[in-house]
Amino acid sequence: MYDKYPGSPVSDVFPFGAHHDMAYEYARDHTTLTWQKMWWRESGSIPGYFLRALCQAWECSIQSLLEPVAQRKFDSLQLDDGHVGPVFGNLLNRP
């Protein structure tokens, strides 16, 4: 990810971890994957900025967006190309 390349233009604009949502710092040490822990991890990154923008556009809370994802643990999609394994990510549904 971009944080592994210090000095890159992206890491200058989005320094890794510099913009975590401090309201969820308590969740960083949860022993299971909770939506709060997911948000703590993502909130200071480019995907976190995307999730904030998505919540604003969909007029929803970060909880309503991430809680279903955390309950599923992970999402994957098998592509039609048999040479490529499953693609992992988060399936986001509009609440």
Protein backbone atom coordinates (compact mmCIF):
# COMPACT_ATOMS: atom_id res chain seq x y z
CA MET A 1 0.00 0.00 0.00
CA TYR A 2 1.04 3.62 -0.32
CA ASP A 3 2.37 3.80 3.25
CA LYS A 4 5.21 1.44 2.33
CA TYR A 5 6.71 4.01 -0.03
CA PRO A 6 7.85 6.95 2.09
CA GLY A 7 8.49 10.07 0.08
CA SER A 8 5.94 9.22 -2.58
CA PRO A 9 3.50 12.02 -3.45
CA VAL A 10 0.61 10.00 -2.02
CA SER A 11 2.32 9.39 1.32
CA ASP A 12 3.12 13.11 1.54
CA VAL A 13 -0.56 14.02 1.14
CA PHE A 14 -1.92 11.07 3.17
CA PRO A 15 0.69 10.22 5.82
CA PHE A 16 -0.13 6.77 7.15
CA GLY A 17 -2.11 6.87 10.38
CA ALA A 18 -1.97 10.64 10.75
CA HIS A 19 -5.72 11.09 10.36
CA HIS A 20 -7.25 8.23 12.34
CA ASP A 21 -10.68 8.92 13.79
CA MET A 22 -9.61 9.30 17.41
CA ALA A 23 -13.14 8.60 18.65
CA TYR A 24 -12.48 4.94 17.76
CA GLU A 25 -8.96 4.54 19.16
CA TYR A 26 -10.36 2.32 21.91
CA ALA A 27 -11.24 -0.28 19.25
CA ARG A 28 -7.71 -0.76 17.96
CA ASP A 29 -7.13 -3.62 20.40
CA HIS A 30 -10.45 -5.43 20.04
CA THR A 31 -9.73 -9.15 19.92
CA THR A 32 -12.33 -9.75 17.19
CA LEU A 33 -13.08 -7.85 14.02
CA THR A 34 -15.68 -5.23 14.86
CA TRP A 35 -16.90 -2.40 12.68
CA GLN A 36 -15.23 -0.01 15.14
CA LYS A 37 -11.87 -1.75 14.68
CA MET A 38 -12.34 -1.75 10.90
CA TRP A 39 -13.05 1.97 11.00
CA TRP A 40 -10.06 2.67 13.25
CA ARG A 41 -7.78 0.88 10.79
CA GLU A 42 -9.24 2.53 7.68
CA SER A 43 -10.10 6.02 8.95
CA GLY A 44 -6.62 7.46 8.43
CA SER A 45 -6.10 6.04 4.95
CA ILE A 46 -7.26 6.69 1.41
CA PRO A 47 -10.01 4.03 1.75
CA GLY A 48 -11.13 5.87 4.90
CA TYR A 49 -11.53 9.10 2.94
CA PHE A 50 -13.56 7.15 0.38
CA LEU A 51 -15.78 5.67 3.12
CA ARG A 52 -16.37 9.13 4.61
CA ALA A 53 -17.37 10.48 1.20
CA LEU A 54 -19.62 7.48 0.59
CA CYS A 55 -21.38 7.98 3.93
CA GLN A 56 -21.92 11.63 3.09
CA ALA A 57 -23.27 10.81 -0.38
CA TRP A 58 -25.54 8.03 0.91
CA GLU A 59 -26.50 10.03 4.02
CA CYS A 60 -25.63 7.17 6.35
CA SER A 61 -23.36 6.53 9.31
CA ILE A 62 -20.06 4.71 9.19
CA GLN A 63 -21.62 2.13 11.52
CA SER A 64 -24.48 1.35 9.13
CA LEU A 65 -21.97 0.95 6.32
CA LEU A 66 -19.32 -1.18 8.07
CA GLU A 67 -21.28 -3.22 10.60
CA PRO A 68 -22.62 -5.69 7.99
CA VAL A 69 -19.12 -6.06 6.53
CA ALA A 70 -17.60 -6.84 9.94
CA GLN A 71 -20.28 -9.44 10.62
CA ARG A 72 -19.40 -11.26 7.38
CA LYS A 73 -15.65 -11.09 8.21
CA PHE A 74 -14.64 -10.74 4.54
CA ASP A 75 -16.10 -10.65 1.06
CA SER A 76 -14.72 -12.22 -2.10
CA LEU A 77 -15.67 -12.56 -5.72
CA GLN A 78 -14.60 -15.34 -8.06
CA LEU A 79 -13.81 -13.95 -11.48
CA ASP A 80 -14.68 -15.74 -14.71
CA ASP A 81 -10.97 -16.04 -15.50
CA GLY A 82 -9.86 -19.41 -14.12
CA HIS A 83 -6.25 -18.21 -13.87
CA VAL A 84 -7.09 -15.66 -11.20
CA GLY A 85 -8.09 -16.62 -7.69
CA PRO A 86 -10.81 -14.90 -5.71
CA VAL A 87 -10.65 -11.13 -5.31
CA PHE A 88 -11.06 -10.03 -1.69
CA GLY A 89 -12.55 -6.72 -0.61
CA ASN A 90 -15.58 -5.24 1.07
CA LEU A 91 -19.03 -5.46 -0.48
CA LEU A 92 -20.70 -2.20 0.51
CA ASN A 93 -24.47 -1.94 0.39
CA ARG A 94 -26.40 1.27 0.73
CA PRO A 95 -28.15 1.19 4.13
